[in-house]
Every structure is written in structure tokens, then in C-alpha cells.
PDB file of N, CA and C in Angstrom:
ATOM      1  N   MET A   1      -3.011  -6.401  11.120  1.00  0.00           N
ATOM      2  CA  MET A   1      -3.806  -5.741  12.141  1.00  0.00           C
ATOM      3  C   MET A   1      -3.963  -6.658  13.346  1.00  0.00           C
ATOM      4  N   SER A   2      -4.270  -6.074  14.452  1.00  0.00           N
ATOM      5  CA  SER A   2      -4.340  -6.851  15.685  1.00  0.00           C
ATOM      6  C   SER A   2      -5.735  -7.364  15.989  1.00  0.00           C
ATOM      7  N   VAL A   3      -6.698  -6.977  15.203  1.00  0.00           N
ATOM      8  CA  VAL A   3      -8.062  -7.452  15.425  1.00  0.00           C
ATOM      9  C   VAL A   3      -8.585  -8.066  14.137  1.00  0.00           C
ATOM     10  N   GLY A   4      -9.590  -8.908  14.265  1.00  0.00           N
ATOM     11  CA  GLY A   4     -10.190  -9.508  13.081  1.00  0.00           C
ATOM     12  C   GLY A   4     -11.169  -8.546  12.439  1.00  0.00           C
ATOM     13  N   CYS A   5     -10.784  -7.942  11.344  1.00  0.00           N
ATOM     14  CA  CYS A   5     -11.630  -6.947  10.686  1.00  0.00           C
ATOM     15  C   CYS A   5     -11.816  -7.290   9.218  1.00  0.00           C
ATOM     16  N   ALA A   6     -12.949  -6.920   8.725  1.00  0.00           N
ATOM     17  CA  ALA A   6     -13.222  -7.036   7.294  1.00  0.00           C
ATOM     18  C   ALA A   6     -13.884  -5.733   6.864  1.00  0.00           C
ATOM     19  N   TYR A   7     -13.469  -5.203   5.729  1.00  0.00           N
ATOM     20  CA  TYR A   7     -13.988  -3.931   5.250  1.00  0.00           C
ATOM     21  C   TYR A   7     -14.447  -4.065   3.812  1.00  0.00           C
ATOM     22  N   LYS A   8     -15.481  -3.325   3.487  1.00  0.00           N
ATOM     23  CA  LYS A   8     -15.934  -3.260   2.108  1.00  0.00           C
ATOM     24  C   LYS A   8     -14.956  -2.396   1.317  1.00  0.00           C
ATOM     25  N   ARG A   9     -14.913  -2.608   0.025  1.00  0.00           N
ATOM     26  CA  ARG A   9     -14.022  -1.845  -0.848  1.00  0.00           C
ATOM     27  C   ARG A   9     -14.245  -0.342  -0.726  1.00  0.00           C
ATOM     28  N   GLU A  10     -15.494   0.068  -0.500  1.00  0.00           N
ATOM     29  CA  GLU A  10     -15.805   1.500  -0.427  1.00  0.00           C
ATOM     30  C   GLU A  10     -15.069   2.190   0.724  1.00  0.00           C
ATOM     31  N   VAL A  11     -14.772   1.449   1.778  1.00  0.00           N
ATOM     32  CA  VAL A  11     -14.028   2.020   2.900  1.00  0.00           C
ATOM     33  C   VAL A  11     -12.642   2.442   2.411  1.00  0.00           C
ATOM     34  N   PHE A  12     -11.958   1.545   1.715  1.00  0.00           N
ATOM     35  CA  PHE A  12     -10.614   1.846   1.222  1.00  0.00           C
ATOM     36  C   PHE A  12     -10.644   2.942   0.158  1.00  0.00           C
ATOM     37  N   GLU A  13     -11.695   2.941  -0.648  1.00  0.00           N
ATOM     38  CA  GLU A  13     -11.815   3.970  -1.675  1.00  0.00           C
ATOM     39  C   GLU A  13     -11.990   5.355  -1.053  1.00  0.00           C
ATOM     40  N   LYS A  14     -12.654   5.410   0.103  1.00  0.00           N
ATOM     41  CA  LYS A  14     -12.911   6.708   0.738  1.00  0.00           C
ATOM     42  C   LYS A  14     -11.758   7.182   1.607  1.00  0.00           C
ATOM     43  N   ILE A  15     -11.166   6.281   2.415  1.00  0.00           N
ATOM     44  CA  ILE A  15     -10.152   6.730   3.374  1.00  0.00           C
ATOM     45  C   ILE A  15      -8.735   6.276   3.053  1.00  0.00           C
ATOM     46  N   GLY A  16      -8.572   5.415   2.072  1.00  0.00           N
ATOM     47  CA  GLY A  16      -7.244   4.906   1.749  1.00  0.00           C
ATOM     48  C   GLY A  16      -6.948   3.624   2.514  1.00  0.00           C
ATOM     49  N   TYR A  17      -5.699   3.233   2.467  1.00  0.00           N
ATOM     50  CA  TYR A  17      -5.289   1.972   3.081  1.00  0.00           C
ATOM     51  C   TYR A  17      -4.623   2.210   4.433  1.00  0.00           C
ATOM     52  N   VAL A  18      -4.224   1.111   5.062  1.00  0.00           N
ATOM     53  CA  VAL A  18      -3.493   1.182   6.325  1.00  0.00           C
ATOM     54  C   VAL A  18      -2.144   1.835   6.047  1.00  0.00           C
ATOM     55  N   ASP A  19      -1.767   2.786   6.877  1.00  0.00           N
ATOM     56  CA  ASP A  19      -0.485   3.465   6.733  1.00  0.00           C
ATOM     57  C   ASP A  19       0.602   2.593   7.369  1.00  0.00           C
ATOM     58  N   GLU A  20       1.285   1.805   6.546  1.00  0.00           N
ATOM     59  CA  GLU A  20       2.276   0.855   7.051  1.00  0.00           C
ATOM     60  C   GLU A  20       3.542   1.525   7.572  1.00  0.00           C
ATOM     61  N   SER A  21       3.701   2.809   7.311  1.00  0.00           N
ATOM     62  CA  SER A  21       4.887   3.503   7.812  1.00  0.00           C
ATOM     63  C   SER A  21       4.823   3.718   9.326  1.00  0.00           C
ATOM     64  N   PHE A  22       3.666   3.493   9.928  1.00  0.00           N
ATOM     65  CA  PHE A  22       3.531   3.638  11.377  1.00  0.00           C
ATOM     66  C   PHE A  22       4.456   2.687  12.126  1.00  0.00           C
ATOM     67  N   GLY A  23       4.526   1.439  11.724  1.00  0.00           N
ATOM     68  CA  GLY A  23       5.333   0.458  12.437  1.00  0.00           C
ATOM     69  C   GLY A  23       4.608  -0.127  13.648  1.00  0.00           C
ATOM     70  N   ALA A  24       3.772   0.650  14.287  1.00  0.00           N
ATOM     71  CA  ALA A  24       2.937   0.202  15.401  1.00  0.00           C
ATOM     72  C   ALA A  24       1.754   1.160  15.470  1.00  0.00           C
ATOM     73  N   CYS A  25       0.634   0.664  15.889  1.00  0.00           N
ATOM     74  CA  CYS A  25      -0.602   1.444  16.011  1.00  0.00           C
ATOM     75  C   CYS A  25      -1.188   1.846  14.663  1.00  0.00           C
ATOM     76  N   GLU A  26      -0.741   1.202  13.597  1.00  0.00           N
ATOM     77  CA  GLU A  26      -1.337   1.494  12.297  1.00  0.00           C
ATOM     78  C   GLU A  26      -2.808   1.102  12.273  1.00  0.00           C
ATOM     79  N   ASP A  27      -3.163   0.085  13.047  1.00  0.00           N
ATOM     80  CA  ASP A  27      -4.567  -0.322  13.124  1.00  0.00           C
ATOM     81  C   ASP A  27      -5.398   0.719  13.864  1.00  0.00           C
ATOM     82  N   VAL A  28      -4.810   1.346  14.886  1.00  0.00           N
ATOM     83  CA  VAL A  28      -5.506   2.391  15.631  1.00  0.00           C
ATOM     84  C   VAL A  28      -5.796   3.566  14.705  1.00  0.00           C
ATOM     85  N   ASP A  29      -4.787   3.957  13.931  1.00  0.00           N
ATOM     86  CA  ASP A  29      -4.944   5.051  12.980  1.00  0.00           C
ATOM     87  C   ASP A  29      -6.010   4.709  11.940  1.00  0.00           C
ATOM     88  N   PHE A  30      -5.936   3.522  11.373  1.00  0.00           N
ATOM     89  CA  PHE A  30      -6.888   3.129  10.334  1.00  0.00           C
ATOM     90  C   PHE A  30      -8.315   3.096  10.882  1.00  0.00           C
ATOM     91  N   ASN A  31      -8.493   2.456  12.023  1.00  0.00           N
ATOM     92  CA  ASN A  31      -9.833   2.357  12.601  1.00  0.00           C
ATOM     93  C   ASN A  31     -10.381   3.728  12.993  1.00  0.00           C
ATOM     94  N   TYR A  32      -9.506   4.638  13.430  1.00  0.00           N
ATOM     95  CA  TYR A  32      -9.944   5.993  13.732  1.00  0.00           C
ATOM     96  C   TYR A  32     -10.442   6.678  12.459  1.00  0.00           C
ATOM     97  N   ARG A  33      -9.698   6.515  11.373  1.00  0.00           N
ATOM     98  CA  ARG A  33     -10.110   7.132  10.115  1.00  0.00           C
ATOM     99  C   ARG A  33     -11.409   6.522   9.590  1.00  0.00           C
ATOM    100  N   VAL A  34     -11.606   5.227   9.823  1.00  0.00           N
ATOM    101  CA  VAL A  34     -12.866   4.570   9.442  1.00  0.00           C
ATOM    102  C   VAL A  34     -14.026   5.201  10.204  1.00  0.00           C
ATOM    103  N   GLU A  35     -13.859   5.344  11.515  1.00  0.00           N
ATOM    104  CA  GLU A  35     -14.915   5.931  12.354  1.00  0.00           C
ATOM    105  C   GLU A  35     -15.164   7.394  11.978  1.00  0.00           C
ATOM    106  N   LYS A  36     -14.081   8.138  11.758  1.00  0.00           N
ATOM    107  CA  LYS A  36     -14.196   9.554  11.422  1.00  0.00           C
ATOM    108  C   LYS A  36     -14.915   9.762  10.082  1.00  0.00           C
ATOM    109  N   ALA A  37     -14.778   8.800   9.171  1.00  0.00           N
ATOM    110  CA  ALA A  37     -15.431   8.886   7.860  1.00  0.00           C
ATOM    111  C   ALA A  37     -16.913   8.531   7.948  1.00  0.00           C
ATOM    112  N   GLY A  38     -17.358   8.088   9.128  1.00  0.00           N
ATOM    113  CA  GLY A  38     -18.783   7.816   9.316  1.00  0.00           C
ATOM    114  C   GLY A  38     -19.212   6.387   9.062  1.00  0.00           C
ATOM    115  N   PHE A  39     -18.257   5.491   8.870  1.00  0.00           N
ATOM    116  CA  PHE A  39     -18.614   4.085   8.676  1.00  0.00           C
ATOM    117  C   PHE A  39     -18.933   3.443  10.019  1.00  0.00           C
ATOM    118  N   LEU A  40     -19.869   2.529  10.014  1.00  0.00           N
ATOM    119  CA  LEU A  40     -20.237   1.812  11.225  1.00  0.00           C
ATOM    120  C   LEU A  40     -19.325   0.614  11.409  1.00  0.00           C
ATOM    121  N   THR A  41     -19.043   0.285  12.659  1.00  0.00           N
ATOM    122  CA  THR A  41     -18.220  -0.869  12.987  1.00  0.00           C
ATOM    123  C   THR A  41     -19.050  -1.811  13.851  1.00  0.00           C
ATOM    124  N   PHE A  42     -18.951  -3.078  13.569  1.00  0.00           N
ATOM    125  CA  PHE A  42     -19.682  -4.083  14.336  1.00  0.00           C
ATOM    126  C   PHE A  42     -18.689  -5.028  14.981  1.00  0.00           C
ATOM    127  N   PHE A  43     -19.000  -5.458  16.175  1.00  0.00           N
ATOM    128  CA  PHE A  43     -18.153  -6.379  16.918  1.00  0.00           C
ATOM    129  C   PHE A  43     -18.872  -7.704  17.065  1.00  0.00           C
ATOM    130  N   SER A  44     -18.149  -8.788  16.889  1.00  0.00           N
ATOM    131  CA  SER A  44     -18.715 -10.108  17.115  1.00  0.00           C
ATOM    132  C   SER A  44     -17.786 -10.899  18.018  1.00  0.00           C
ATOM    133  N   PRO A  45     -18.294 -11.393  19.136  1.00  0.00           N
ATOM    134  CA  PRO A  45     -17.466 -12.209  20.021  1.00  0.00           C
ATOM    135  C   PRO A  45     -17.152 -13.581  19.412  1.00  0.00           C
ATOM    136  N   LEU A  46     -17.779 -13.894  18.288  1.00  0.00           N
ATOM    137  CA  LEU A  46     -17.531 -15.170  17.627  1.00  0.00           C
ATOM    138  C   LEU A  46     -16.234 -15.160  16.812  1.00  0.00           C
ATOM    139  N   VAL A  47     -15.741 -13.970  16.521  1.00  0.00           N
ATOM    140  CA  VAL A  47     -14.505 -13.851  15.755  1.00  0.00           C
ATOM    141  C   VAL A  47     -13.341 -13.865  16.744  1.00  0.00           C
ATOM    142  N   GLY A  48     -12.390 -14.735  16.514  1.00  0.00           N
ATOM    143  CA  GLY A  48     -11.249 -14.832  17.413  1.00  0.00           C
ATOM    144  C   GLY A  48      -9.945 -14.574  16.686  1.00  0.00           C
ATOM    145  N   VAL A  49      -8.978 -14.085  17.421  1.00  0.00           N
ATOM    146  CA  VAL A  49      -7.641 -13.834  16.891  1.00  0.00           C
ATOM    147  C   VAL A  49      -6.655 -14.569  17.790  1.00  0.00           C
ATOM    148  N   LYS A  50      -5.768 -15.360  17.190  1.00  0.00           N
ATOM    149  CA  LYS A  50      -4.749 -16.047  17.981  1.00  0.00           C
ATOM    150  C   LYS A  50      -3.676 -15.049  18.366  1.00  0.00           C
ATOM    151  N   TYR A  51      -3.260 -15.123  19.596  1.00  0.00           N
ATOM    152  CA  TYR A  51      -2.226 -14.231  20.104  1.00  0.00           C
ATOM    153  C   TYR A  51      -1.165 -15.070  20.784  1.00  0.00           C
ATOM    154  N   TYR A  52       0.079 -14.790  20.475  1.00  0.00           N
ATOM    155  CA  TYR A  52       1.187 -15.489  21.103  1.00  0.00           C
ATOM    156  C   TYR A  52       1.953 -14.484  21.951  1.00  0.00           C
ATOM    157  N   PRO A  53       1.922 -14.652  23.268  1.00  0.00           N
ATOM    158  CA  PRO A  53       2.598 -13.679  24.140  1.00  0.00           C
ATOM    159  C   PRO A  53       4.113 -13.716  23.943  1.00  0.00           C
ATOM    160  N   ARG A  54       4.756 -12.623  24.288  1.00  0.00           N
ATOM    161  CA  ARG A  54       6.210 -12.530  24.189  1.00  0.00           C
ATOM    162  C   ARG A  54       6.847 -13.536  25.143  1.00  0.00           C
ATOM    163  N   GLU A  55       8.039 -14.005  24.763  1.00  0.00           N
ATOM    164  CA  GLU A  55       8.692 -15.066  25.528  1.00  0.00           C
ATOM    165  C   GLU A  55       9.457 -14.579  26.751  1.00  0.00           C
ATOM    166  N   ASN A  56       9.825 -13.283  26.774  1.00  0.00           N
ATOM    167  CA  ASN A  56      10.587 -12.780  27.915  1.00  0.00           C
ATOM    168  C   ASN A  56      10.300 -11.297  28.111  1.00  0.00           C
ATOM    169  N   LEU A  57      10.779 -10.767  29.237  1.00  0.00           N
ATOM    170  CA  LEU A  57      10.498  -9.372  29.573  1.00  0.00           C
ATOM    171  C   LEU A  57      11.155  -8.389  28.602  1.00  0.00           C
ATOM    172  N   ALA A  58      12.310  -8.743  28.065  1.00  0.00           N
ATOM    173  CA  ALA A  58      12.968  -7.857  27.097  1.00  0.00           C
ATOM    174  C   ALA A  58      12.102  -7.694  25.853  1.00  0.00           C
ATOM    175  N   SER A  59      11.496  -8.780  25.409  1.00  0.00           N
ATOM    176  CA  SER A  59      10.617  -8.722  24.243  1.00  0.00           C
ATOM    177  C   SER A  59       9.357  -7.908  24.539  1.00  0.00           C
ATOM    178  N   VAL A  60       8.831  -8.065  25.745  1.00  0.00           N
ATOM    179  CA  VAL A  60       7.655  -7.279  26.153  1.00  0.00           C
ATOM    180  C   VAL A  60       8.021  -5.799  26.169  1.00  0.00           C
ATOM    181  N   TRP A  61       9.198  -5.473  26.713  1.00  0.00           N
ATOM    182  CA  TRP A  61       9.649  -4.083  26.782  1.00  0.00           C
ATOM    183  C   TRP A  61       9.758  -3.490  25.378  1.00  0.00           C
ATOM    184  N   LYS A  62      10.363  -4.228  24.442  1.00  0.00           N
ATOM    185  CA  LYS A  62      10.499  -3.751  23.067  1.00  0.00           C
ATOM    186  C   LYS A  62       9.137  -3.529  22.423  1.00  0.00           C
ATOM    187  N   GLN A  63       8.205  -4.447  22.686  1.00  0.00           N
ATOM    188  CA  GLN A  63       6.855  -4.320  22.152  1.00  0.00           C
ATOM    189  C   GLN A  63       6.174  -3.065  22.696  1.00  0.00           C
ATOM    190  N   LEU A  64       6.267  -2.848  23.984  1.00  0.00           N
ATOM    191  CA  LEU A  64       5.633  -1.690  24.602  1.00  0.00           C
ATOM    192  C   LEU A  64       6.281  -0.384  24.141  1.00  0.00           C
ATOM    193  N   LEU A  65       7.595  -0.390  23.948  1.00  0.00           N
ATOM    194  CA  LEU A  65       8.287   0.792  23.443  1.00  0.00           C
ATOM    195  C   LEU A  65       7.805   1.127  22.023  1.00  0.00           C
ATOM    196  N   ARG A  66       7.703   0.098  21.172  1.00  0.00           N
ATOM    197  CA  ARG A  66       7.189   0.299  19.811  1.00  0.00           C
ATOM    198  C   ARG A  66       5.772   0.835  19.855  1.00  0.00           C
ATOM    199  N   PHE A  67       4.955   0.278  20.728  1.00  0.00           N
ATOM    200  CA  PHE A  67       3.569   0.716  20.848  1.00  0.00           C
ATOM    201  C   PHE A  67       3.501   2.172  21.304  1.00  0.00           C
ATOM    202  N   GLY A  68       4.341   2.535  22.253  1.00  0.00           N
ATOM    203  CA  GLY A  68       4.373   3.913  22.728  1.00  0.00           C
ATOM    204  C   GLY A  68       4.780   4.880  21.622  1.00  0.00           C
ATOM    205  N   GLN A  69       5.753   4.486  20.817  1.00  0.00           N
ATOM    206  CA  GLN A  69       6.174   5.322  19.690  1.00  0.00           C
ATOM    207  C   GLN A  69       5.038   5.468  18.676  1.00  0.00           C
ATOM    208  N   GLY A  70       4.326   4.368  18.429  1.00  0.00           N
ATOM    209  CA  GLY A  70       3.188   4.416  17.509  1.00  0.00           C
ATOM    210  C   GLY A  70       2.077   5.308  18.034  1.00  0.00           C
ATOM    211  N   ARG A  71       1.820   5.208  19.337  1.00  0.00           N
ATOM    212  CA  ARG A  71       0.795   6.066  19.953  1.00  0.00           C
ATOM    213  C   ARG A  71       1.178   7.536  19.873  1.00  0.00           C
ATOM    214  N   PHE A  72       2.458   7.827  20.081  1.00  0.00           N
ATOM    215  CA  PHE A  72       2.928   9.205  19.997  1.00  0.00           C
ATOM    216  C   PHE A  72       2.705   9.747  18.581  1.00  0.00           C
ATOM    217  N   ARG A  73       3.021   8.928  17.591  1.00  0.00           N
ATOM    218  CA  ARG A  73       2.802   9.366  16.208  1.00  0.00           C
ATOM    219  C   ARG A  73       1.316   9.560  15.939  1.00  0.00           C
ATOM    220  N   PHE A  74       0.493   8.630  16.447  1.00  0.00           N
ATOM    221  CA  PHE A  74      -0.953   8.736  16.259  1.00  0.00           C
ATOM    222  C   PHE A  74      -1.471  10.050  16.854  1.00  0.00           C
ATOM    223  N   ILE A  75      -1.037  10.358  18.076  1.00  0.00           N
ATOM    224  CA  ILE A  75      -1.462  11.597  18.742  1.00  0.00           C
ATOM    225  C   ILE A  75      -0.962  12.814  17.967  1.00  0.00           C
ATOM    226  N   SER A  76       0.252  12.722  17.441  1.00  0.00           N
ATOM    227  CA  SER A  76       0.805  13.838  16.662  1.00  0.00           C
ATOM    228  C   SER A  76      -0.033  14.117  15.424  1.00  0.00           C
ATOM    229  N   GLU A  77      -0.516  13.057  14.788  1.00  0.00           N
ATOM    230  CA  GLU A  77      -1.302  13.220  13.566  1.00  0.00           C
ATOM    231  C   GLU A  77      -2.779  13.496  13.842  1.00  0.00           C
ATOM    232  N   HIS A  78      -3.250  13.087  15.008  1.00  0.00           N
ATOM    233  CA  HIS A  78      -4.663  13.277  15.369  1.00  0.00           C
ATOM    234  C   HIS A  78      -4.759  13.836  16.792  1.00  0.00           C
ATOM    235  N   PRO A  79      -4.321  15.083  17.018  1.00  0.00           N
ATOM    236  CA  PRO A  79      -4.311  15.635  18.384  1.00  0.00           C
ATOM    237  C   PRO A  79      -5.697  15.718  19.017  1.00  0.00           C
ATOM    238  N   GLU A  80      -6.747  15.710  18.215  1.00  0.00           N
ATOM    239  CA  GLU A  80      -8.105  15.770  18.760  1.00  0.00           C
ATOM    240  C   GLU A  80      -8.477  14.510  19.542  1.00  0.00           C
ATOM    241  N   THR A  81      -7.652  13.462  19.444  1.00  0.00           N
ATOM    242  CA  THR A  81      -7.956  12.211  20.144  1.00  0.00           C
ATOM    243  C   THR A  81      -7.381  12.156  21.553  1.00  0.00           C
ATOM    244  N   ILE A  82      -6.607  13.166  21.927  1.00  0.00           N
ATOM    245  CA  ILE A  82      -5.979  13.162  23.259  1.00  0.00           C
ATOM    246  C   ILE A  82      -7.061  13.237  24.335  1.00  0.00           C
ATOM    247  N   ASN A  83      -6.951  12.331  25.311  1.00  0.00           N
ATOM    248  CA  ASN A  83      -7.881  12.347  26.438  1.00  0.00           C
ATOM    249  C   ASN A  83      -7.141  11.918  27.707  1.00  0.00           C
ATOM    250  N   LEU A  84      -7.795  12.034  28.826  1.00  0.00           N
ATOM    251  CA  LEU A  84      -7.170  11.728  30.111  1.00  0.00           C
ATOM    252  C   LEU A  84      -6.700  10.276  30.186  1.00  0.00           C
ATOM    253  N   ASP A  85      -7.511   9.349  29.704  1.00  0.00           N
ATOM    254  CA  ASP A  85      -7.142   7.931  29.763  1.00  0.00           C
ATOM    255  C   ASP A  85      -5.816   7.661  29.063  1.00  0.00           C
ATOM    256  N   MET A  86      -5.589   8.374  27.986  1.00  0.00           N
ATOM    257  CA  MET A  86      -4.382   8.184  27.204  1.00  0.00           C
ATOM    258  C   MET A  86      -3.158   8.750  27.931  1.00  0.00           C
ATOM    259  N   MET A  87      -3.359   9.771  28.739  1.00  0.00           N
ATOM    260  CA  MET A  87      -2.247  10.451  29.387  1.00  0.00           C
ATOM    261  C   MET A  87      -1.876   9.838  30.746  1.00  0.00           C
ATOM    262  N   LEU A  88      -2.762   9.058  31.347  1.00  0.00           N
ATOM    263  CA  LEU A  88      -2.500   8.516  32.679  1.00  0.00           C
ATOM    264  C   LEU A  88      -1.249   7.640  32.762  1.00  0.00           C
ATOM    265  N   PRO A  89      -0.995   6.711  31.830  1.00  0.00           N
ATOM    266  CA  PRO A  89       0.230   5.911  31.950  1.00  0.00           C
ATOM    267  C   PRO A  89       1.495   6.765  31.922  1.00  0.00           C
ATOM    268  N   ALA A  90       1.546   7.762  31.043  1.00  0.00           N
ATOM    269  CA  ALA A  90       2.716   8.641  30.985  1.00  0.00           C
ATOM    270  C   ALA A  90       2.862   9.429  32.286  1.00  0.00           C
ATOM    271  N   ALA A  91       1.762   9.907  32.827  1.00  0.00           N
ATOM    272  CA  ALA A  91       1.802  10.656  34.088  1.00  0.00           C
ATOM    273  C   ALA A  91       2.284   9.761  35.232  1.00  0.00           C
ATOM    274  N   PHE A  92       1.874   8.505  35.223  1.00  0.00           N
ATOM    275  CA  PHE A  92       2.287   7.555  36.255  1.00  0.00           C
ATOM    276  C   PHE A  92       3.798   7.327  36.197  1.00  0.00           C
ATOM    277  N   VAL A  93       4.322   7.091  34.999  1.00  0.00           N
ATOM    278  CA  VAL A  93       5.761   6.874  34.842  1.00  0.00           C
ATOM    279  C   VAL A  93       6.535   8.124  35.251  1.00  0.00           C
ATOM    280  N   LEU A  94       6.050   9.284  34.852  1.00  0.00           N
ATOM    281  CA  LEU A  94       6.697  10.540  35.239  1.00  0.00           C
ATOM    282  C   LEU A  94       6.718  10.700  36.749  1.00  0.00           C
ATOM    283  N   ALA A  95       5.610  10.352  37.397  1.00  0.00           N
ATOM    284  CA  ALA A  95       5.527  10.464  38.858  1.00  0.00           C
ATOM    285  C   ALA A  95       6.519   9.517  39.529  1.00  0.00           C
ATOM    286  N   ILE A  96       6.681   8.325  38.983  1.00  0.00           N
ATOM    287  CA  ILE A  96       7.628   7.361  39.558  1.00  0.00           C
ATOM    288  C   ILE A  96       9.062   7.869  39.421  1.00  0.00           C
ATOM    289  N   VAL A  97       9.361   8.456  38.265  1.00  0.00           N
ATOM    290  CA  VAL A  97      10.717   8.946  38.016  1.00  0.00           C
ATOM    291  C   VAL A  97      10.983  10.251  38.750  1.00  0.00           C
ATOM    292  N   LEU A  98      10.066  11.206  38.650  1.00  0.00           N
ATOM    293  CA  LEU A  98      10.293  12.533  39.229  1.00  0.00           C
ATOM    294  C   LEU A  98       9.950  12.627  40.714  1.00  0.00           C
ATOM    295  N   GLY A  99       9.069  11.767  41.181  1.00  0.00           N
ATOM    296  CA  GLY A  99       8.644  11.818  42.584  1.00  0.00           C
ATOM    297  C   GLY A  99       9.793  11.809  43.573  1.00  0.00           C
ATOM    298  N   PRO A 100      10.672  10.803  43.510  1.00  0.00           N
ATOM    299  CA  PRO A 100      11.798  10.775  44.457  1.00  0.00           C
ATOM    300  C   PRO A 100      12.741  11.976  44.303  1.00  0.00           C
ATOM    301  N   LEU A 101      12.933  12.437  43.074  1.00  0.00           N
ATOM    302  CA  LEU A 101      13.798  13.605  42.852  1.00  0.00           C
ATOM    303  C   LEU A 101      13.196  14.859  43.478  1.00  0.00           C
ATOM    304  N   LEU A 102      11.926  15.066  43.237  1.00  0.00           N
ATOM    305  CA  LEU A 102      11.259  16.246  43.801  1.00  0.00           C
ATOM    306  C   LEU A 102      11.128  16.141  45.321  1.00  0.00           C
ATOM    307  N   GLY A 103      10.971  14.914  45.798  1.00  0.00           N
ATOM    308  CA  GLY A 103      10.863  14.708  47.236  1.00  0.00           C
ATOM    309  C   GLY A 103      12.151  14.996  47.974  1.00  0.00           C
ATOM    310  N   SER A 104      13.269  14.897  47.264  1.00  0.00           N
ATOM    311  CA  SER A 104      14.561  15.133  47.911  1.00  0.00           C
ATOM    312  C   SER A 104      14.955  16.607  47.905  1.00  0.00           C
ATOM    313  N   VAL A 105      14.193  17.414  47.190  1.00  0.00           N
ATOM    314  CA  VAL A 105      14.477  18.850  47.129  1.00  0.00           C
ATOM    315  C   VAL A 105      13.719  19.549  48.259  1.00  0.00           C
ATOM    316  N   HIS A 106      14.430  20.338  49.048  1.00  0.00           N
ATOM    317  CA  HIS A 106      13.793  21.073  50.139  1.00  0.00           C
ATOM    318  C   HIS A 106      13.648  22.521  49.732  1.00  0.00           C
ATOM    319  N   ILE A 107      12.444  22.985  49.745  1.00  0.00           N
ATOM    320  CA  ILE A 107      12.185  24.382  49.408  1.00  0.00           C
ATOM    321  C   ILE A 107      11.770  25.092  50.693  1.00  0.00           C
ATOM    322  N   TYR A 108      12.484  26.150  50.998  1.00  0.00           N
ATOM    323  CA  TYR A 108      12.167  26.915  52.195  1.00  0.00           C
ATOM    324  C   TYR A 108      11.549  28.248  51.795  1.00  0.00           C
ATOM    325  N   PHE A 109      10.505  28.600  52.433  1.00  0.00           N
ATOM    326  CA  PHE A 109       9.838  29.892  52.159  1.00  0.00           C
ATOM    327  C   PHE A 109      10.147  30.869  53.251  1.00  0.00           C
TER     328      PHE A 109
END
């Protein structure tokens, strides 16, 4: 998981384990199921997680692609979680790609 979390056994007994078939965003799915089951989550700024950034842009691209695929699967399995914040990056990329194409089309009325 990408965050420092600890769970009581009852959490796993009620909602199951992390779905490792996700490949990415499995923590998002698990934490959503924890919240949906009514368990409380506490945050402590004293808990730290070491993070090692990617060494090059190709690695960052692969990471972001994996994350996007994981998010798509998460949304597919939990469509009730879709919100505007989640859709803005996709809309931005679409606008960058489609904007010049649509701008070059002349429509006469």
C-alpha cells in the first residue's frame, strides 16, 4: 500500500483483503471498502512513508499509465465514486488533443 495503515482483524473479516489483481489503486479500492463498511480512519502526521521518485520521465509515464488503468477499474467497480475532480484530468487531456482538431474544422451555417 502507498500509505502507512494498520487495521484490526475485524476489518479484514468484514470486507476481505486487498484485491491484488488491481495492479494499481488497490489501496484506493481497499480504503473505499473500509469507509463504506463504516469503519473510522485516523490520520497521524507522525507516521511517515519513504518514497523514492522515478528516475526518468519514461518511468513516470509508465507509473501514471498504470495508475490511470487502476483508477478506471476502480470507477468501473464503484461507479458511485465518480465526481468532477476525478474527471477533470481526463477532460484536460481530451481538450489538448481534440482542441486543435476541432479548431481546424470550419462549420458554416
